Amino acid sequence: MGNTGEGHSSAHERLAQMKSLDEVLDTAMSFEKTAQAFYADLAGKVRKPLRGLVTELAEEEARHFALFEGVRNHADTQAHLQDLIEIPATDHKFSDFVQAPSLGEAPDDQAILQYALGREQAAYEQYSALAEAAPTGPLQNLFRFLADEELRHKGELEKSYYEIVHSGGV
């Protein structure tokens, strides 16, 4: 009898670590939409050295949202929206970034870059893990592509951070 309870508990824990593909896509789309709005809002508030970067990031996050939307609306995906997918251990960290912080009307460059670096790292980790968990095909390819994109964004942000911090810009 003890084994049955353990098996049930183990199965319950495994199910608790899974979400429907629909839920995964909802969270990812909310993350990208929040990122786009966050960066677009910052463009008018930051100093010139960061303006181009945050504008570019806003445009790229909008493209990511459109990619998710296209995949979600595809007939092949529609048939699998209720399929369960294992969520990464980083899911809570990723979900935290669905809500953008308020950095005020005159945000500090360093604070912006630190937040953006954390956001890009969380996205990279999440999309990499989802690519591993997703079935082979378009969804897995999308998560791999987005993981690479977020890693590239992080690299751009790190370069800007180094230039601004070490040039005495903050």
C-alpha atoms as a PDB file:
ATOM      1  CA  MET A   1       0.000   0.000   0.000  1.00  0.00           C
ATOM      2  CA  GLY A   2       2.861   2.386   0.767  1.00  0.00           C
ATOM      3  CA  ASN A   3       4.153   1.975  -2.785  1.00  0.00           C
ATOM      4  CA  THR A   4       0.809   3.016  -4.241  1.00  0.00           C
ATOM      5  CA  GLY A   5       0.879   6.232  -2.249  1.00  0.00           C
ATOM      6  CA  GLU A   6       4.419   6.980  -3.344  1.00  0.00           C
ATOM      7  CA  GLY A   7       3.561   6.313  -6.989  1.00  0.00           C
ATOM      8  CA  HIS A   8       0.522   8.551  -6.732  1.00  0.00           C
ATOM      9  CA  SER A   9       2.560  11.263  -5.042  1.00  0.00           C
ATOM     10  CA  SER A  10       5.263  11.026  -7.705  1.00  0.00           C
ATOM     11  CA  ALA A  11       2.693  11.199 -10.510  1.00  0.00           C
ATOM     12  CA  HIS A  12       1.025  14.168  -8.819  1.00  0.00           C
ATOM     13  CA  GLU A  13       4.378  15.977  -8.491  1.00  0.00           C
ATOM     14  CA  ARG A  14       5.136  15.322 -12.163  1.00  0.00           C
ATOM     15  CA  LEU A  15       1.749  16.702 -13.224  1.00  0.00           C
ATOM     16  CA  ALA A  16       2.328  19.747 -11.032  1.00  0.00           C
ATOM     17  CA  GLN A  17       5.477  20.417 -13.081  1.00  0.00           C
ATOM     18  CA  MET A  18       3.546  20.446 -16.342  1.00  0.00           C
ATOM     19  CA  LYS A  19       1.381  22.998 -18.093  1.00  0.00           C
ATOM     20  CA  SER A  20      -0.694  22.841 -21.203  1.00  0.00           C
ATOM     21  CA  LEU A  21       0.938  24.131 -24.347  1.00  0.00           C
ATOM     22  CA  ASP A  22      -1.766  26.809 -24.312  1.00  0.00           C
ATOM     23  CA  GLU A  23      -0.630  27.999 -20.842  1.00  0.00           C
ATOM     24  CA  VAL A  24       3.041  27.960 -21.881  1.00  0.00           C
ATOM     25  CA  LEU A  25       2.258  30.042 -24.961  1.00  0.00           C
ATOM     26  CA  ASP A  26       0.082  32.442 -22.925  1.00  0.00           C
ATOM     27  CA  THR A  27       2.914  33.094 -20.476  1.00  0.00           C
ATOM     28  CA  ALA A  28       5.518  33.492 -23.225  1.00  0.00           C
ATOM     29  CA  MET A  29       3.277  35.859 -25.200  1.00  0.00           C
ATOM     30  CA  SER A  30       2.580  37.926 -22.081  1.00  0.00           C
ATOM     31  CA  PHE A  31       6.327  38.041 -21.374  1.00  0.00           C
ATOM     32  CA  GLU A  32       7.089  39.288 -24.895  1.00  0.00           C
ATOM     33  CA  LYS A  33       4.230  41.809 -24.902  1.00  0.00           C
ATOM     34  CA  THR A  34       5.342  43.195 -21.530  1.00  0.00           C
ATOM     35  CA  ALA A  35       8.935  43.397 -22.774  1.00  0.00           C
ATOM     36  CA  GLN A  36       7.884  45.257 -25.917  1.00  0.00           C
ATOM     37  CA  ALA A  37       5.806  47.765 -23.933  1.00  0.00           C
ATOM     38  CA  PHE A  38       8.540  48.159 -21.302  1.00  0.00           C
ATOM     39  CA  TYR A  39      11.259  48.910 -23.845  1.00  0.00           C
ATOM     40  CA  ALA A  40       8.994  51.128 -25.983  1.00  0.00           C
ATOM     41  CA  ASP A  41       8.068  53.181 -22.894  1.00  0.00           C
ATOM     42  CA  LEU A  42      11.733  53.538 -21.950  1.00  0.00           C
ATOM     43  CA  ALA A  43      12.732  54.882 -25.377  1.00  0.00           C
ATOM     44  CA  GLY A  44      11.340  58.311 -24.563  1.00  0.00           C
ATOM     45  CA  LYS A  45      12.810  58.392 -21.064  1.00  0.00           C
ATOM     46  CA  VAL A  46      16.410  57.277 -21.514  1.00  0.00           C
ATOM     47  CA  ARG A  47      19.487  59.187 -22.502  1.00  0.00           C
ATOM     48  CA  LYS A  48      20.631  59.035 -26.108  1.00  0.00           C
ATOM     49  CA  PRO A  49      23.230  56.250 -25.696  1.00  0.00           C
ATOM     50  CA  LEU A  50      20.467  53.811 -24.678  1.00  0.00           C
ATOM     51  CA  ARG A  51      17.633  55.094 -26.872  1.00  0.00           C
ATOM     52  CA  GLY A  52      18.616  53.147 -29.980  1.00  0.00           C
ATOM     53  CA  LEU A  53      19.155  49.950 -28.015  1.00  0.00           C
ATOM     54  CA  VAL A  54      15.811  50.023 -26.177  1.00  0.00           C
ATOM     55  CA  THR A  55      13.992  50.935 -29.408  1.00  0.00           C
ATOM     56  CA  GLU A  56      15.610  47.962 -31.161  1.00  0.00           C
ATOM     57  CA  LEU A  57      14.746  45.673 -28.245  1.00  0.00           C
ATOM     58  CA  ALA A  58      11.105  46.848 -28.325  1.00  0.00           C
ATOM     59  CA  GLU A  59      10.908  46.027 -32.033  1.00  0.00           C
ATOM     60  CA  GLU A  60      12.491  42.602 -31.548  1.00  0.00           C
ATOM     61  CA  GLU A  61      10.181  41.712 -28.659  1.00  0.00           C
ATOM     62  CA  ALA A  62       7.201  42.698 -30.841  1.00  0.00           C
ATOM     63  CA  ARG A  63       8.520  40.310 -33.522  1.00  0.00           C
ATOM     64  CA  HIS A  64       8.839  37.550 -30.907  1.00  0.00           C
ATOM     65  CA  PHE A  65       5.200  38.096 -29.900  1.00  0.00           C
ATOM     66  CA  ALA A  66       4.162  37.867 -33.567  1.00  0.00           C
ATOM     67  CA  LEU A  67       6.122  34.607 -33.954  1.00  0.00           C
ATOM     68  CA  PHE A  68       4.314  33.085 -30.973  1.00  0.00           C
ATOM     69  CA  GLU A  69       0.996  34.322 -32.301  1.00  0.00           C
ATOM     70  CA  GLY A  70       1.678  32.754 -35.698  1.00  0.00           C
ATOM     71  CA  VAL A  71       2.653  29.416 -34.174  1.00  0.00           C
ATOM     72  CA  ARG A  72      -0.327  29.454 -31.817  1.00  0.00           C
ATOM     73  CA  ASN A  73      -2.770  30.155 -34.652  1.00  0.00           C
ATOM     74  CA  HIS A  74      -1.314  27.454 -36.903  1.00  0.00           C
ATOM     75  CA  ALA A  75      -3.645  24.484 -37.394  1.00  0.00           C
ATOM     76  CA  ASP A  76      -0.987  21.971 -36.251  1.00  0.00           C
ATOM     77  CA  THR A  77      -0.549  23.832 -32.958  1.00  0.00           C
ATOM     78  CA  GLN A  78      -4.285  24.337 -32.432  1.00  0.00           C
ATOM     79  CA  ALA A  79      -4.724  20.563 -32.320  1.00  0.00           C
ATOM     80  CA  HIS A  80      -2.170  20.309 -29.476  1.00  0.00           C
ATOM     81  CA  LEU A  81      -2.960  23.295 -27.251  1.00  0.00           C
ATOM     82  CA  GLN A  82      -4.132  21.046 -24.409  1.00  0.00           C
ATOM     83  CA  ASP A  83      -1.095  18.748 -24.609  1.00  0.00           C
ATOM     84  CA  LEU A  84       1.023  18.909 -21.466  1.00  0.00           C
ATOM     85  CA  ILE A  85       4.622  20.073 -21.564  1.00  0.00           C
ATOM     86  CA  GLU A  86       7.115  19.949 -18.723  1.00  0.00           C
ATOM     87  CA  ILE A  87       7.839  23.415 -17.398  1.00  0.00           C
ATOM     88  CA  PRO A  88      11.405  24.335 -16.573  1.00  0.00           C
ATOM     89  CA  ALA A  89      12.624  24.910 -13.045  1.00  0.00           C
ATOM     90  CA  THR A  90      13.152  28.538 -14.122  1.00  0.00           C
ATOM     91  CA  ASP A  91       9.446  29.040 -14.870  1.00  0.00           C
ATOM     92  CA  HIS A  92       8.791  31.074 -11.698  1.00  0.00           C
ATOM     93  CA  LYS A  93      11.708  33.413 -12.496  1.00  0.00           C
ATOM     94  CA  PHE A  94      10.463  33.857 -16.074  1.00  0.00           C
ATOM     95  CA  SER A  95       6.887  34.456 -14.900  1.00  0.00           C
ATOM     96  CA  ASP A  96       8.108  37.157 -12.503  1.00  0.00           C
ATOM     97  CA  PHE A  97       9.180  39.214 -15.526  1.00  0.00           C
ATOM     98  CA  VAL A  98       5.672  39.184 -17.008  1.00  0.00           C
ATOM     99  CA  GLN A  99       5.095  42.251 -14.815  1.00  0.00           C
ATOM    100  CA  ALA A 100       7.407  45.140 -15.727  1.00  0.00           C
ATOM    101  CA  PRO A 101       8.717  47.344 -12.932  1.00  0.00           C
ATOM    102  CA  SER A 102       8.108  51.050 -12.735  1.00  0.00           C
ATOM    103  CA  LEU A 103      11.420  52.815 -13.144  1.00  0.00           C
ATOM    104  CA  GLY A 104       9.946  56.313 -12.953  1.00  0.00           C
ATOM    105  CA  GLU A 105      10.162  59.195 -15.395  1.00  0.00           C
ATOM    106  CA  ALA A 106      13.963  59.543 -15.298  1.00  0.00           C
ATOM    107  CA  PRO A 107      15.259  55.993 -14.964  1.00  0.00           C
ATOM    108  CA  ASP A 108      18.904  55.370 -14.189  1.00  0.00           C
ATOM    109  CA  ASP A 109      20.821  53.782 -17.105  1.00  0.00           C
ATOM    110  CA  GLN A 110      22.446  51.217 -14.844  1.00  0.00           C
ATOM    111  CA  ALA A 111      19.105  50.168 -13.294  1.00  0.00           C
ATOM    112  CA  ILE A 112      17.562  49.819 -16.762  1.00  0.00           C
ATOM    113  CA  LEU A 113      20.427  47.716 -18.017  1.00  0.00           C
ATOM    114  CA  GLN A 114      20.498  45.526 -14.907  1.00  0.00           C
ATOM    115  CA  TYR A 115      16.763  44.850 -15.181  1.00  0.00           C
ATOM    116  CA  ALA A 116      16.994  44.199 -18.926  1.00  0.00           C
ATOM    117  CA  LEU A 117      19.942  41.832 -18.433  1.00  0.00           C
ATOM    118  CA  GLY A 118      17.948  39.853 -15.856  1.00  0.00           C
ATOM    119  CA  ARG A 119      14.960  39.732 -18.197  1.00  0.00           C
ATOM    120  CA  GLU A 120      17.023  38.516 -21.158  1.00  0.00           C
ATOM    121  CA  GLN A 121      18.790  35.886 -19.010  1.00  0.00           C
ATOM    122  CA  ALA A 122      15.449  34.588 -17.702  1.00  0.00           C
ATOM    123  CA  ALA A 123      14.075  34.419 -21.256  1.00  0.00           C
ATOM    124  CA  TYR A 124      17.173  32.616 -22.525  1.00  0.00           C
ATOM    125  CA  GLU A 125      16.975  30.021 -19.732  1.00  0.00           C
ATOM    126  CA  GLN A 126      13.229  29.531 -20.180  1.00  0.00           C
ATOM    127  CA  TYR A 127      13.275  29.191 -23.960  1.00  0.00           C
ATOM    128  CA  SER A 128      16.322  26.880 -23.864  1.00  0.00           C
ATOM    129  CA  ALA A 129      14.588  24.582 -21.367  1.00  0.00           C
ATOM    130  CA  LEU A 130      11.313  24.665 -23.301  1.00  0.00           C
ATOM    131  CA  ALA A 131      13.180  23.752 -26.498  1.00  0.00           C
ATOM    132  CA  GLU A 132      14.466  20.661 -24.680  1.00  0.00           C
ATOM    133  CA  ALA A 133      10.977  19.757 -23.412  1.00  0.00           C
ATOM    134  CA  ALA A 134       9.020  20.535 -26.594  1.00  0.00           C
ATOM    135  CA  PRO A 135       8.309  17.849 -29.157  1.00  0.00           C
ATOM    136  CA  THR A 136      10.495  17.901 -32.266  1.00  0.00           C
ATOM    137  CA  GLY A 137       9.081  20.297 -34.834  1.00  0.00           C
ATOM    138  CA  PRO A 138       8.083  23.934 -35.286  1.00  0.00           C
ATOM    139  CA  LEU A 139       7.530  24.701 -31.601  1.00  0.00           C
ATOM    140  CA  GLN A 140      10.909  23.293 -30.591  1.00  0.00           C
ATOM    141  CA  ASN A 141      12.530  25.248 -33.434  1.00  0.00           C
ATOM    142  CA  LEU A 142      10.782  28.431 -32.280  1.00  0.00           C
ATOM    143  CA  PHE A 143      11.993  28.023 -28.694  1.00  0.00           C
ATOM    144  CA  ARG A 144      15.555  27.358 -29.916  1.00  0.00           C
ATOM    145  CA  PHE A 145      15.442  30.412 -32.172  1.00  0.00           C
ATOM    146  CA  LEU A 146      14.121  32.619 -29.373  1.00  0.00           C
ATOM    147  CA  ALA A 147      16.711  31.301 -26.902  1.00  0.00           C
ATOM    148  CA  ASP A 148      19.416  32.316 -29.396  1.00  0.00           C
ATOM    149  CA  GLU A 149      17.777  35.726 -29.884  1.00  0.00           C
ATOM    150  CA  GLU A 150      17.584  36.380 -26.148  1.00  0.00           C
ATOM    151  CA  LEU A 151      21.228  35.373 -25.741  1.00  0.00           C
ATOM    152  CA  ARG A 152      22.139  37.841 -28.503  1.00  0.00           C
ATOM    153  CA  HIS A 153      20.087  40.571 -26.786  1.00  0.00           C
ATOM    154  CA  LYS A 154      21.902  39.830 -23.542  1.00  0.00           C
ATOM    155  CA  GLY A 155      25.243  40.223 -25.302  1.00  0.00           C
ATOM    156  CA  GLU A 156      24.190  43.608 -26.709  1.00  0.00           C
ATOM    157  CA  LEU A 157      23.041  44.733 -23.279  1.00  0.00           C
ATOM    158  CA  GLU A 158      26.264  43.562 -21.631  1.00  0.00           C
ATOM    159  CA  LYS A 159      28.282  45.550 -24.183  1.00  0.00           C
ATOM    160  CA  SER A 160      26.181  48.673 -23.521  1.00  0.00           C
ATOM    161  CA  TYR A 161      26.414  48.139 -19.776  1.00  0.00           C
ATOM    162  CA  TYR A 162      30.199  47.919 -19.951  1.00  0.00           C
ATOM    163  CA  GLU A 163      30.449  51.011 -22.165  1.00  0.00           C
ATOM    164  CA  ILE A 164      28.136  53.128 -20.015  1.00  0.00           C
ATOM    165  CA  VAL A 165      29.383  52.013 -16.612  1.00  0.00           C
ATOM    166  CA  HIS A 166      33.057  52.216 -17.514  1.00  0.00           C
ATOM    167  CA  SER A 167      32.761  55.504 -19.372  1.00  0.00           C
ATOM    168  CA  GLY A 168      31.340  57.134 -16.252  1.00  0.00           C
ATOM    169  CA  GLY A 169      27.898  57.388 -17.838  1.00  0.00           C
ATOM    170  CA  VAL A 170      26.032  56.520 -14.652  1.00  0.00           C
END
